[in-house]
Structures are given as structure tokens and as C-alpha cells.
mmCIF file of all heavy atoms, coordinates in Angstrom:
data_MODEL
# 
_entry.id   MODEL 
# 
loop_
_atom_site.group_PDB 
_atom_site.id 
_atom_site.type_symbol 
_atom_site.label_atom_id 
_atom_site.label_alt_id 
_atom_site.label_comp_id 
_atom_site.label_asym_id 
_atom_site.label_entity_id 
_atom_site.label_seq_id 
_atom_site.pdbx_PDB_ins_code 
_atom_site.Cartn_x 
_atom_site.Cartn_y 
_atom_site.Cartn_z 
_atom_site.occupancy 
_atom_site.B_iso_or_equiv 
_atom_site.pdbx_formal_charge 
_atom_site.auth_seq_id 
_atom_site.auth_comp_id 
_atom_site.auth_asym_id 
_atom_site.auth_atom_id 
_atom_site.pdbx_PDB_model_num 
ATOM 1   N N   . PRO A 1 1  ? 0.828   -1.214  0.000   1.00 0.00 ? 1  PRO A N   1 
ATOM 2   C CA  . PRO A 1 1  ? 0.000   0.000   0.000   1.00 0.00 ? 1  PRO A CA  1 
ATOM 3   C C   . PRO A 1 1  ? 0.860   1.260   0.000   1.00 0.00 ? 1  PRO A C   1 
ATOM 4   O O   . PRO A 1 1  ? 1.864   1.339   0.700   1.00 0.00 ? 1  PRO A O   1 
ATOM 5   C CB  . PRO A 1 1  ? -0.807  -0.131  1.296   1.00 0.00 ? 1  PRO A CB  1 
ATOM 6   C CG  . PRO A 1 1  ? 0.020   -1.019  2.171   1.00 0.00 ? 1  PRO A CG  1 
ATOM 7   C CD  . PRO A 1 1  ? 0.698   -1.982  1.256   1.00 0.00 ? 1  PRO A CD  1 
ATOM 8   N N   . VAL A 1 2  ? 0.471   2.242   -0.811  1.00 0.00 ? 2  VAL A N   1 
ATOM 9   C CA  . VAL A 1 2  ? 1.199   3.508   -0.856  1.00 0.00 ? 2  VAL A CA  1 
ATOM 10  C C   . VAL A 1 2  ? 0.306   4.694   -0.503  1.00 0.00 ? 2  VAL A C   1 
ATOM 11  O O   . VAL A 1 2  ? 0.762   5.835   -0.468  1.00 0.00 ? 2  VAL A O   1 
ATOM 12  C CB  . VAL A 1 2  ? 1.815   3.735   -2.257  1.00 0.00 ? 2  VAL A CB  1 
ATOM 13  C CG1 . VAL A 1 2  ? 2.881   2.698   -2.540  1.00 0.00 ? 2  VAL A CG1 1 
ATOM 14  C CG2 . VAL A 1 2  ? 0.744   3.714   -3.340  1.00 0.00 ? 2  VAL A CG2 1 
ATOM 15  N N   . GLY A 1 3  ? -0.971  4.435   -0.231  1.00 0.00 ? 3  GLY A N   1 
ATOM 16  C CA  . GLY A 1 3  ? -1.879  5.520   0.119   1.00 0.00 ? 3  GLY A CA  1 
ATOM 17  C C   . GLY A 1 3  ? -3.318  5.095   -0.086  1.00 0.00 ? 3  GLY A C   1 
ATOM 18  O O   . GLY A 1 3  ? -3.635  3.901   -0.141  1.00 0.00 ? 3  GLY A O   1 
ATOM 19  N N   . ALA A 1 4  ? -4.201  6.075   -0.164  1.00 0.00 ? 4  ALA A N   1 
ATOM 20  C CA  . ALA A 1 4  ? -5.625  5.796   -0.341  1.00 0.00 ? 4  ALA A CA  1 
ATOM 21  C C   . ALA A 1 4  ? -6.219  6.829   -1.279  1.00 0.00 ? 4  ALA A C   1 
ATOM 22  O O   . ALA A 1 4  ? -5.718  7.958   -1.393  1.00 0.00 ? 4  ALA A O   1 
ATOM 23  C CB  . ALA A 1 4  ? -6.345  5.815   0.999   1.00 0.00 ? 4  ALA A CB  1 
ATOM 24  N N   . ASP A 1 5  ? -7.301  6.438   -1.974  1.00 0.00 ? 5  ASP A N   1 
ATOM 25  C CA  . ASP A 1 5  ? -7.958  7.393   -2.863  1.00 0.00 ? 5  ASP A CA  1 
ATOM 26  C C   . ASP A 1 5  ? -8.958  8.242   -2.080  1.00 0.00 ? 5  ASP A C   1 
ATOM 27  O O   . ASP A 1 5  ? -9.049  8.138   -0.848  1.00 0.00 ? 5  ASP A O   1 
ATOM 28  C CB  . ASP A 1 5  ? -8.644  6.656   -4.023  1.00 0.00 ? 5  ASP A CB  1 
ATOM 29  C CG  . ASP A 1 5  ? -9.704  5.668   -3.544  1.00 0.00 ? 5  ASP A CG  1 
ATOM 30  O OD1 . ASP A 1 5  ? -10.162 5.792   -2.395  1.00 0.00 ? 5  ASP A OD1 1 
ATOM 31  O OD2 . ASP A 1 5  ? -10.064 4.775   -4.335  1.00 0.00 ? 5  ASP A OD2 1 
ATOM 32  N N   . LYS A 1 6  ? -9.722  9.070   -2.788  1.00 0.00 ? 6  LYS A N   1 
ATOM 33  C CA  . LYS A 1 6  ? -10.645 9.990   -2.128  1.00 0.00 ? 6  LYS A CA  1 
ATOM 34  C C   . LYS A 1 6  ? -11.731 9.271   -1.347  1.00 0.00 ? 6  LYS A C   1 
ATOM 35  O O   . LYS A 1 6  ? -12.291 9.804   -0.388  1.00 0.00 ? 6  LYS A O   1 
ATOM 36  C CB  . LYS A 1 6  ? -11.287 10.908  -3.171  1.00 0.00 ? 6  LYS A CB  1 
ATOM 37  C CG  . LYS A 1 6  ? -10.301 11.869  -3.823  1.00 0.00 ? 6  LYS A CG  1 
ATOM 38  C CD  . LYS A 1 6  ? -10.999 12.751  -4.838  1.00 0.00 ? 6  LYS A CD  1 
ATOM 39  C CE  . LYS A 1 6  ? -10.010 13.720  -5.492  1.00 0.00 ? 6  LYS A CE  1 
ATOM 40  N NZ  . LYS A 1 6  ? -10.666 14.578  -6.503  1.00 0.00 ? 6  LYS A NZ  1 
ATOM 41  N N   . GLU A 1 7  ? -12.029 8.058   -1.758  1.00 0.00 ? 7  GLU A N   1 
ATOM 42  C CA  . GLU A 1 7  ? -13.069 7.287   -1.088  1.00 0.00 ? 7  GLU A CA  1 
ATOM 43  C C   . GLU A 1 7  ? -12.511 6.415   0.021   1.00 0.00 ? 7  GLU A C   1 
ATOM 44  O O   . GLU A 1 7  ? -13.231 5.633   0.644   1.00 0.00 ? 7  GLU A O   1 
ATOM 45  C CB  . GLU A 1 7  ? -13.812 6.423   -2.113  1.00 0.00 ? 7  GLU A CB  1 
ATOM 46  C CG  . GLU A 1 7  ? -14.509 7.253   -3.190  1.00 0.00 ? 7  GLU A CG  1 
ATOM 47  C CD  . GLU A 1 7  ? -15.193 6.385   -4.226  1.00 0.00 ? 7  GLU A CD  1 
ATOM 48  O OE1 . GLU A 1 7  ? -14.988 5.147   -4.184  1.00 0.00 ? 7  GLU A OE1 1 
ATOM 49  O OE2 . GLU A 1 7  ? -15.924 6.922   -5.067  1.00 0.00 ? 7  GLU A OE2 1 
ATOM 50  N N   . GLY A 1 8  ? -11.206 6.513   0.272   1.00 0.00 ? 8  GLY A N   1 
ATOM 51  C CA  . GLY A 1 8  ? -10.608 5.733   1.352   1.00 0.00 ? 8  GLY A CA  1 
ATOM 52  C C   . GLY A 1 8  ? -10.147 4.358   0.936   1.00 0.00 ? 8  GLY A C   1 
ATOM 53  O O   . GLY A 1 8  ? -9.699  3.568   1.777   1.00 0.00 ? 8  GLY A O   1 
ATOM 54  N N   . ASN A 1 9  ? -10.232 4.041   -0.363  1.00 0.00 ? 9  ASN A N   1 
ATOM 55  C CA  . ASN A 1 9  ? -9.785  2.738   -0.839  1.00 0.00 ? 9  ASN A CA  1 
ATOM 56  C C   . ASN A 1 9  ? -8.262  2.710   -0.932  1.00 0.00 ? 9  ASN A C   1 
ATOM 57  O O   . ASN A 1 9  ? -7.636  3.684   -1.368  1.00 0.00 ? 9  ASN A O   1 
ATOM 58  C CB  . ASN A 1 9  ? -10.377 2.432   -2.221  1.00 0.00 ? 9  ASN A CB  1 
ATOM 59  C CG  . ASN A 1 9  ? -11.889 2.360   -2.174  1.00 0.00 ? 9  ASN A CG  1 
ATOM 60  O OD1 . ASN A 1 9  ? -12.453 1.736   -1.287  1.00 0.00 ? 9  ASN A OD1 1 
ATOM 61  N ND2 . ASN A 1 9  ? -12.535 3.026   -3.127  1.00 0.00 ? 9  ASN A ND2 1 
ATOM 62  N N   . GLN A 1 10 ? -7.675  1.602   -0.525  1.00 0.00 ? 10 GLN A N   1 
ATOM 63  C CA  . GLN A 1 10 ? -6.222  1.473   -0.522  1.00 0.00 ? 10 GLN A CA  1 
ATOM 64  C C   . GLN A 1 10 ? -5.667  1.469   -1.941  1.00 0.00 ? 10 GLN A C   1 
ATOM 65  O O   . GLN A 1 10 ? -6.225  0.859   -2.846  1.00 0.00 ? 10 GLN A O   1 
ATOM 66  C CB  . GLN A 1 10 ? -5.831  0.177   0.202   1.00 0.00 ? 10 GLN A CB  1 
ATOM 67  C CG  . GLN A 1 10 ? -4.351  0.068   0.501   1.00 0.00 ? 10 GLN A CG  1 
ATOM 68  C CD  . GLN A 1 10 ? -4.060  -1.208  1.277   1.00 0.00 ? 10 GLN A CD  1 
ATOM 69  O OE1 . GLN A 1 10 ? -3.993  -2.280  0.712   1.00 0.00 ? 10 GLN A OE1 1 
ATOM 70  N NE2 . GLN A 1 10 ? -3.883  -1.083  2.594   1.00 0.00 ? 10 GLN A NE2 1 
ATOM 71  N N   . ILE A 1 11 ? -4.555  2.193   -2.144  1.00 0.00 ? 11 ILE A N   1 
ATOM 72  C CA  . ILE A 1 11 ? -3.885  2.249   -3.445  1.00 0.00 ? 11 ILE A CA  1 
ATOM 73  C C   . ILE A 1 11 ? -2.530  1.572   -3.318  1.00 0.00 ? 11 ILE A C   1 
ATOM 74  O O   . ILE A 1 11 ? -1.784  1.816   -2.364  1.00 0.00 ? 11 ILE A O   1 
ATOM 75  C CB  . ILE A 1 11 ? -3.679  3.703   -3.908  1.00 0.00 ? 11 ILE A CB  1 
ATOM 76  C CG1 . ILE A 1 11 ? -5.030  4.406   -4.076  1.00 0.00 ? 11 ILE A CG1 1 
ATOM 77  C CG2 . ILE A 1 11 ? -2.903  3.743   -5.226  1.00 0.00 ? 11 ILE A CG2 1 
ATOM 78  C CD1 . ILE A 1 11 ? -4.892  5.881   -4.423  1.00 0.00 ? 11 ILE A CD1 1 
ATOM 79  N N   . THR A 1 12 ? -2.215  0.711   -4.270  1.00 0.00 ? 12 THR A N   1 
ATOM 80  C CA  . THR A 1 12 ? -0.918  0.031   -4.295  1.00 0.00 ? 12 THR A CA  1 
ATOM 81  C C   . THR A 1 12 ? -0.105  0.539   -5.482  1.00 0.00 ? 12 THR A C   1 
ATOM 82  O O   . THR A 1 12 ? -0.626  1.239   -6.356  1.00 0.00 ? 12 THR A O   1 
ATOM 83  C CB  . THR A 1 12 ? -1.090  -1.490  -4.416  1.00 0.00 ? 12 THR A CB  1 
ATOM 84  O OG1 . THR A 1 12 ? -1.644  -1.794  -5.702  1.00 0.00 ? 12 THR A OG1 1 
ATOM 85  C CG2 . THR A 1 12 ? -2.019  -2.030  -3.325  1.00 0.00 ? 12 THR A CG2 1 
ATOM 86  N N   . LEU A 1 13 ? 1.177   0.163   -5.514  1.00 0.00 ? 13 LEU A N   1 
ATOM 87  C CA  . LEU A 1 13 ? 2.017   0.540   -6.652  1.00 0.00 ? 13 LEU A CA  1 
ATOM 88  C C   . LEU A 1 13 ? 1.459   -0.011  -7.961  1.00 0.00 ? 13 LEU A C   1 
ATOM 89  O O   . LEU A 1 13 ? 1.567   0.615   -9.007  1.00 0.00 ? 13 LEU A O   1 
ATOM 90  C CB  . LEU A 1 13 ? 3.444   0.013   -6.442  1.00 0.00 ? 13 LEU A CB  1 
ATOM 91  C CG  . LEU A 1 13 ? 4.289   0.736   -5.383  1.00 0.00 ? 13 LEU A CG  1 
ATOM 92  C CD1 . LEU A 1 13 ? 5.616   0.011   -5.217  1.00 0.00 ? 13 LEU A CD1 1 
ATOM 93  C CD2 . LEU A 1 13 ? 4.544   2.180   -5.770  1.00 0.00 ? 13 LEU A CD2 1 
ATOM 94  N N   . ALA A 1 14 ? 0.851   -1.188  -7.877  1.00 0.00 ? 14 ALA A N   1 
ATOM 95  C CA  . ALA A 1 14 ? 0.290   -1.807  -9.081  1.00 0.00 ? 14 ALA A CA  1 
ATOM 96  C C   . ALA A 1 14 ? -0.827  -0.957  -9.675  1.00 0.00 ? 14 ALA A C   1 
ATOM 97  O O   . ALA A 1 14 ? -1.086  -1.007  -10.877 1.00 0.00 ? 14 ALA A O   1 
ATOM 98  C CB  . ALA A 1 14 ? -0.243  -3.196  -8.750  1.00 0.00 ? 14 ALA A CB  1 
ATOM 99  N N   . ASP A 1 15 ? -1.493  -0.158  -8.823  1.00 0.00 ? 15 ASP A N   1 
ATOM 100 C CA  . ASP A 1 15 ? -2.589  0.682   -9.311  1.00 0.00 ? 15 ASP A CA  1 
ATOM 101 C C   . ASP A 1 15 ? -2.092  1.893   -10.085 1.00 0.00 ? 15 ASP A C   1 
ATOM 102 O O   . ASP A 1 15 ? -2.850  2.481   -10.868 1.00 0.00 ? 15 ASP A O   1 
ATOM 103 C CB  . ASP A 1 15 ? -3.444  1.165   -8.139  1.00 0.00 ? 15 ASP A CB  1 
ATOM 104 C CG  . ASP A 1 15 ? -4.131  0.023   -7.409  1.00 0.00 ? 15 ASP A CG  1 
ATOM 105 O OD1 . ASP A 1 15 ? -4.585  -0.917  -8.092  1.00 0.00 ? 15 ASP A OD1 1 
ATOM 106 O OD2 . ASP A 1 15 ? -4.203  0.069   -6.175  1.00 0.00 ? 15 ASP A OD2 1 
ATOM 107 N N   . ILE A 1 16 ? -0.822  2.285   -9.857  1.00 0.00 ? 16 ILE A N   1 
ATOM 108 C CA  . ILE A 1 16 ? -0.360  3.529   -10.473 1.00 0.00 ? 16 ILE A CA  1 
ATOM 109 C C   . ILE A 1 16 ? 0.731   3.339   -11.520 1.00 0.00 ? 16 ILE A C   1 
ATOM 110 O O   . ILE A 1 16 ? 1.098   4.291   -12.199 1.00 0.00 ? 16 ILE A O   1 
ATOM 111 C CB  . ILE A 1 16 ? 0.141   4.509   -9.391  1.00 0.00 ? 16 ILE A CB  1 
ATOM 112 C CG1 . ILE A 1 16 ? 1.271   3.895   -8.578  1.00 0.00 ? 16 ILE A CG1 1 
ATOM 113 C CG2 . ILE A 1 16 ? -0.983  4.930   -8.468  1.00 0.00 ? 16 ILE A CG2 1 
ATOM 114 C CD1 . ILE A 1 16 ? 1.859   4.834   -7.541  1.00 0.00 ? 16 ILE A CD1 1 
ATOM 115 N N   . VAL A 1 17 ? 1.274   2.117   -11.652 1.00 0.00 ? 17 VAL A N   1 
ATOM 116 C CA  . VAL A 1 17 ? 2.272   1.909   -12.706 1.00 0.00 ? 17 VAL A CA  1 
ATOM 117 C C   . VAL A 1 17 ? 1.593   1.954   -14.061 1.00 0.00 ? 17 VAL A C   1 
ATOM 118 O O   . VAL A 1 17 ? 0.406   1.677   -14.195 1.00 0.00 ? 17 VAL A O   1 
ATOM 119 C CB  . VAL A 1 17 ? 3.013   0.566   -12.536 1.00 0.00 ? 17 VAL A CB  1 
ATOM 120 C CG1 . VAL A 1 17 ? 3.858   0.583   -11.293 1.00 0.00 ? 17 VAL A CG1 1 
ATOM 121 C CG2 . VAL A 1 17 ? 2.025   -0.597  -12.526 1.00 0.00 ? 17 VAL A CG2 1 
ATOM 122 N N   . GLU A 1 18 ? 2.352   2.287   -15.097 1.00 0.00 ? 18 GLU A N   1 
ATOM 123 C CA  . GLU A 1 18 ? 1.771   2.472   -16.426 1.00 0.00 ? 18 GLU A CA  1 
ATOM 124 C C   . GLU A 1 18 ? 1.292   1.165   -17.037 1.00 0.00 ? 18 GLU A C   1 
ATOM 125 O O   . GLU A 1 18 ? 0.230   1.095   -17.632 1.00 0.00 ? 18 GLU A O   1 
ATOM 126 C CB  . GLU A 1 18 ? 2.800   3.120   -17.350 1.00 0.00 ? 18 GLU A CB  1 
ATOM 127 C CG  . GLU A 1 18 ? 3.155   4.533   -16.950 1.00 0.00 ? 18 GLU A CG  1 
ATOM 128 C CD  . GLU A 1 18 ? 4.141   5.151   -17.915 1.00 0.00 ? 18 GLU A CD  1 
ATOM 129 O OE1 . GLU A 1 18 ? 4.568   4.443   -18.854 1.00 0.00 ? 18 GLU A OE1 1 
ATOM 130 O OE2 . GLU A 1 18 ? 4.476   6.322   -17.727 1.00 0.00 ? 18 GLU A OE2 1 
ATOM 131 N N   . SER A 1 19 ? 2.081   0.085   -16.891 1.00 0.00 ? 19 SER A N   1 
ATOM 132 C CA  . SER A 1 19 ? 1.691   -1.176  -17.522 1.00 0.00 ? 19 SER A CA  1 
ATOM 133 C C   . SER A 1 19 ? 0.603   -1.841  -16.706 1.00 0.00 ? 19 SER A C   1 
ATOM 134 O O   . SER A 1 19 ? 0.703   -1.939  -15.486 1.00 0.00 ? 19 SER A O   1 
ATOM 135 C CB  . SER A 1 19 ? 2.893   -2.115  -17.630 1.00 0.00 ? 19 SER A CB  1 
ATOM 136 O OG  . SER A 1 19 ? 3.439   -2.350  -16.356 1.00 0.00 ? 19 SER A OG  1 
ATOM 137 N N   . PRO A 1 20 ? -0.470  -2.319  -17.355 1.00 0.00 ? 20 PRO A N   1 
ATOM 138 C CA  . PRO A 1 20 ? -1.562  -2.962  -16.623 1.00 0.00 ? 20 PRO A CA  1 
ATOM 139 C C   . PRO A 1 20 ? -1.114  -4.279  -16.017 1.00 0.00 ? 20 PRO A C   1 
ATOM 140 O O   . PRO A 1 20 ? -0.368  -5.036  -16.628 1.00 0.00 ? 20 PRO A O   1 
ATOM 141 C CB  . PRO A 1 20 ? -2.625  -3.192  -17.714 1.00 0.00 ? 20 PRO A CB  1 
ATOM 142 C CG  . PRO A 1 20 ? -1.842  -3.259  -18.995 1.00 0.00 ? 20 PRO A CG  1 
ATOM 143 C CD  . PRO A 1 20 ? -0.692  -2.300  -18.813 1.00 0.00 ? 20 PRO A CD  1 
ATOM 144 N N   . GLU A 1 21 ? -1.574  -4.561  -14.801 1.00 0.00 ? 21 GLU A N   1 
ATOM 145 C CA  . GLU A 1 21 ? -1.256  -5.817  -14.126 1.00 0.00 ? 21 GLU A CA  1 
ATOM 146 C C   . GLU A 1 21 ? -2.324  -6.860  -14.450 1.00 0.00 ? 21 GLU A C   1 
ATOM 147 O O   . GLU A 1 21 ? -3.464  -6.518  -14.784 1.00 0.00 ? 21 GLU A O   1 
ATOM 148 C CB  . GLU A 1 21 ? -1.222  -5.594  -12.603 1.00 0.00 ? 21 GLU A CB  1 
ATOM 149 C CG  . GLU A 1 21 ? -0.032  -4.793  -12.135 1.00 0.00 ? 21 GLU A CG  1 
ATOM 150 C CD  . GLU A 1 21 ? 1.266   -5.512  -12.418 1.00 0.00 ? 21 GLU A CD  1 
ATOM 151 O OE1 . GLU A 1 21 ? 1.373   -6.710  -12.088 1.00 0.00 ? 21 GLU A OE1 1 
ATOM 152 O OE2 . GLU A 1 21 ? 2.168   -4.884  -12.980 1.00 0.00 ? 21 GLU A OE2 1 
ATOM 153 N N   . PRO A 1 22 ? -2.002  -8.138  -14.371 1.00 0.00 ? 22 PRO A N   1 
ATOM 154 C CA  . PRO A 1 22 ? -2.990  -9.176  -14.626 1.00 0.00 ? 22 PRO A CA  1 
ATOM 155 C C   . PRO A 1 22 ? -4.128  -9.111  -13.604 1.00 0.00 ? 22 PRO A C   1 
ATOM 156 O O   . PRO A 1 22 ? -3.982  -8.536  -12.533 1.00 0.00 ? 22 PRO A O   1 
ATOM 157 C CB  . PRO A 1 22 ? -2.190  -10.481 -14.451 1.00 0.00 ? 22 PRO A CB  1 
ATOM 158 C CG  . PRO A 1 22 ? -0.762  -10.070 -14.570 1.00 0.00 ? 22 PRO A CG  1 
ATOM 159 C CD  . PRO A 1 22 ? -0.689  -8.669  -14.042 1.00 0.00 ? 22 PRO A CD  1 
ATOM 160 N N   . GLU A 1 23 ? -5.230  -9.703  -13.967 1.00 0.00 ? 23 GLU A N   1 
ATOM 161 C CA  . GLU A 1 23 ? -6.334  -9.810  -13.020 1.00 0.00 ? 23 GLU A CA  1 
ATOM 162 C C   . GLU A 1 23 ? -5.890  -10.636 -11.818 1.00 0.00 ? 23 GLU A C   1 
ATOM 163 O O   . GLU A 1 23 ? -4.949  -11.424 -11.897 1.00 0.00 ? 23 GLU A O   1 
ATOM 164 C CB  . GLU A 1 23 ? -7.537  -10.483 -13.699 1.00 0.00 ? 23 GLU A CB  1 
ATOM 165 C CG  . GLU A 1 23 ? -8.152  -9.678  -14.836 1.00 0.00 ? 23 GLU A CG  1 
ATOM 166 C CD  . GLU A 1 23 ? -8.781  -8.392  -14.353 1.00 0.00 ? 23 GLU A CD  1 
ATOM 167 O OE1 . GLU A 1 23 ? -9.246  -8.360  -13.184 1.00 0.00 ? 23 GLU A OE1 1 
ATOM 168 O OE2 . GLU A 1 23 ? -8.795  -7.419  -15.112 1.00 0.00 ? 23 GLU A OE2 1 
ATOM 169 N N   . LEU A 1 24 ? -6.612  -10.473 -10.697 1.00 0.00 ? 24 LEU A N   1 
ATOM 170 C CA  . LEU A 1 24 ? -6.237  -11.136 -9.462  1.00 0.00 ? 24 LEU A CA  1 
ATOM 171 C C   . LEU A 1 24 ? -6.146  -12.651 -9.642  1.00 0.00 ? 24 LEU A C   1 
ATOM 172 O O   . LEU A 1 24 ? -5.193  -13.287 -9.181  1.00 0.00 ? 24 LEU A O   1 
ATOM 173 C CB  . LEU A 1 24 ? -7.239  -10.796 -8.350  1.00 0.00 ? 24 LEU A CB  1 
ATOM 174 C CG  . LEU A 1 24 ? -6.986  -11.462 -6.995  1.00 0.00 ? 24 LEU A CG  1 
ATOM 175 C CD1 . LEU A 1 24 ? -5.626  -11.057 -6.456  1.00 0.00 ? 24 LEU A CD1 1 
ATOM 176 C CD2 . LEU A 1 24 ? -8.077  -11.090 -6.005  1.00 0.00 ? 24 LEU A CD2 1 
ATOM 177 N N   . TRP A 1 25 ? -7.099  -13.235 -10.335 1.00 0.00 ? 25 TRP A N   1 
ATOM 178 C CA  . TRP A 1 25 ? -7.093  -14.694 -10.490 1.00 0.00 ? 25 TRP A CA  1 
ATOM 179 C C   . TRP A 1 25 ? -5.884  -15.156 -11.285 1.00 0.00 ? 25 TRP A C   1 
ATOM 180 O O   . TRP A 1 25 ? -5.341  -16.229 -11.040 1.00 0.00 ? 25 TRP A O   1 
ATOM 181 C CB  . TRP A 1 25 ? -8.389  -15.166 -11.157 1.00 0.00 ? 25 TRP A CB  1 
ATOM 182 C CG  . TRP A 1 25 ? -8.538  -14.777 -12.598 1.00 0.00 ? 25 TRP A CG  1 
ATOM 183 C CD1 . TRP A 1 25 ? -9.129  -13.668 -13.099 1.00 0.00 ? 25 TRP A CD1 1 
ATOM 184 C CD2 . TRP A 1 25 ? -8.060  -15.508 -13.738 1.00 0.00 ? 25 TRP A CD2 1 
ATOM 185 N NE1 . TRP A 1 25 ? -9.053  -13.641 -14.461 1.00 0.00 ? 25 TRP A NE1 1 
ATOM 186 C CE2 . TRP A 1 25 ? -8.416  -14.763 -14.889 1.00 0.00 ? 25 TRP A CE2 1 
ATOM 187 C CE3 . TRP A 1 25 ? -7.373  -16.712 -13.897 1.00 0.00 ? 25 TRP A CE3 1 
ATOM 188 C CZ2 . TRP A 1 25 ? -8.100  -15.179 -16.173 1.00 0.00 ? 25 TRP A CZ2 1 
ATOM 189 C CZ3 . TRP A 1 25 ? -7.062  -17.126 -15.185 1.00 0.00 ? 25 TRP A CZ3 1 
ATOM 190 C CH2 . TRP A 1 25 ? -7.428  -16.373 -16.307 1.00 0.00 ? 25 TRP A CH2 1 
ATOM 191 N N   . GLU A 1 26 ? -5.437  -14.298 -12.244 1.00 0.00 ? 26 GLU A N   1 
ATOM 192 C CA  . GLU A 1 26 ? -4.248  -14.641 -13.019 1.00 0.00 ? 26 GLU A CA  1 
ATOM 193 C C   . GLU A 1 26 ? -3.006  -14.597 -12.144 1.00 0.00 ? 26 GLU A C   1 
ATOM 194 O O   . GLU A 1 26 ? -2.100  -15.419 -12.282 1.00 0.00 ? 26 GLU A O   1 
ATOM 195 C CB  . GLU A 1 26 ? -4.086  -13.676 -14.196 1.00 0.00 ? 26 GLU A CB  1 
ATOM 196 C CG  . GLU A 1 26 ? -5.177  -13.819 -15.260 1.00 0.00 ? 26 GLU A CG  1 
ATOM 197 C CD  . GLU A 1 26 ? -5.024  -12.795 -16.353 1.00 0.00 ? 26 GLU A CD  1 
ATOM 198 O OE1 . GLU A 1 26 ? -4.781  -11.613 -16.014 1.00 0.00 ? 26 GLU A OE1 1 
ATOM 199 O OE2 . GLU A 1 26 ? -5.134  -13.155 -17.523 1.00 0.00 ? 26 GLU A OE2 1 
ATOM 200 N N   . GLN A 1 27 ? -2.950  -13.604 -11.244 1.00 0.00 ? 27 GLN A N   1 
ATOM 201 C CA  . GLN A 1 27 ? -1.809  -13.490 -10.337 1.00 0.00 ? 27 GLN A CA  1 
ATOM 202 C C   . GLN A 1 27 ? -1.726  -14.709 -9.422  1.00 0.00 ? 27 GLN A C   1 
ATOM 203 O O   . GLN A 1 27 ? -0.651  -15.261 -9.188  1.00 0.00 ? 27 GLN A O   1 
ATOM 204 C CB  . GLN A 1 27 ? -1.937  -12.216 -9.494  1.00 0.00 ? 27 GLN A CB  1 
ATOM 205 C CG  . GLN A 1 27 ? -1.921  -10.932 -10.311 1.00 0.00 ? 27 GLN A CG  1 
ATOM 206 C CD  . GLN A 1 27 ? -2.437  -9.751  -9.510  1.00 0.00 ? 27 GLN A CD  1 
ATOM 207 O OE1 . GLN A 1 27 ? -2.597  -9.839  -8.298  1.00 0.00 ? 27 GLN A OE1 1 
ATOM 208 N NE2 . GLN A 1 27 ? -2.702  -8.647  -10.177 1.00 0.00 ? 27 GLN A NE2 1 
ATOM 209 N N   . VAL A 1 28 ? -2.877  -15.113 -8.891  1.00 0.00 ? 28 VAL A N   1 
ATOM 210 C CA  . VAL A 1 28 ? -2.918  -16.274 -7.996  1.00 0.00 ? 28 VAL A CA  1 
ATOM 211 C C   . VAL A 1 28 ? -2.498  -17.540 -8.740  1.00 0.00 ? 28 VAL A C   1 
ATOM 212 O O   . VAL A 1 28 ? -1.720  -18.349 -8.234  1.00 0.00 ? 28 VAL A O   1 
ATOM 213 C CB  . VAL A 1 28 ? -4.323  -16.445 -7.394  1.00 0.00 ? 28 VAL A CB  1 
ATOM 214 C CG1 . VAL A 1 28 ? -4.415  -17.746 -6.608  1.00 0.00 ? 28 VAL A CG1 1 
ATOM 215 C CG2 . VAL A 1 28 ? -4.658  -15.263 -6.492  1.00 0.00 ? 28 VAL A CG2 1 
# 
């Protein structure tokens, strides 16, 4: 976690890097 958005949802580095990350099920 690197912070939270306006609604209080946790933001990770994966949320802000330019390249899209795989879906959660793909990561698992």
C-alpha cells in the first residue's frame, strides 16, 4: 500500500504503474 484514494480505498504501486497488471485470479 502507498496511500488511499478519495473514497478511502487502498492504493498500491500496481494501481499507479503504467503497464496494466494481470487480473487477481491470473496473479494467484
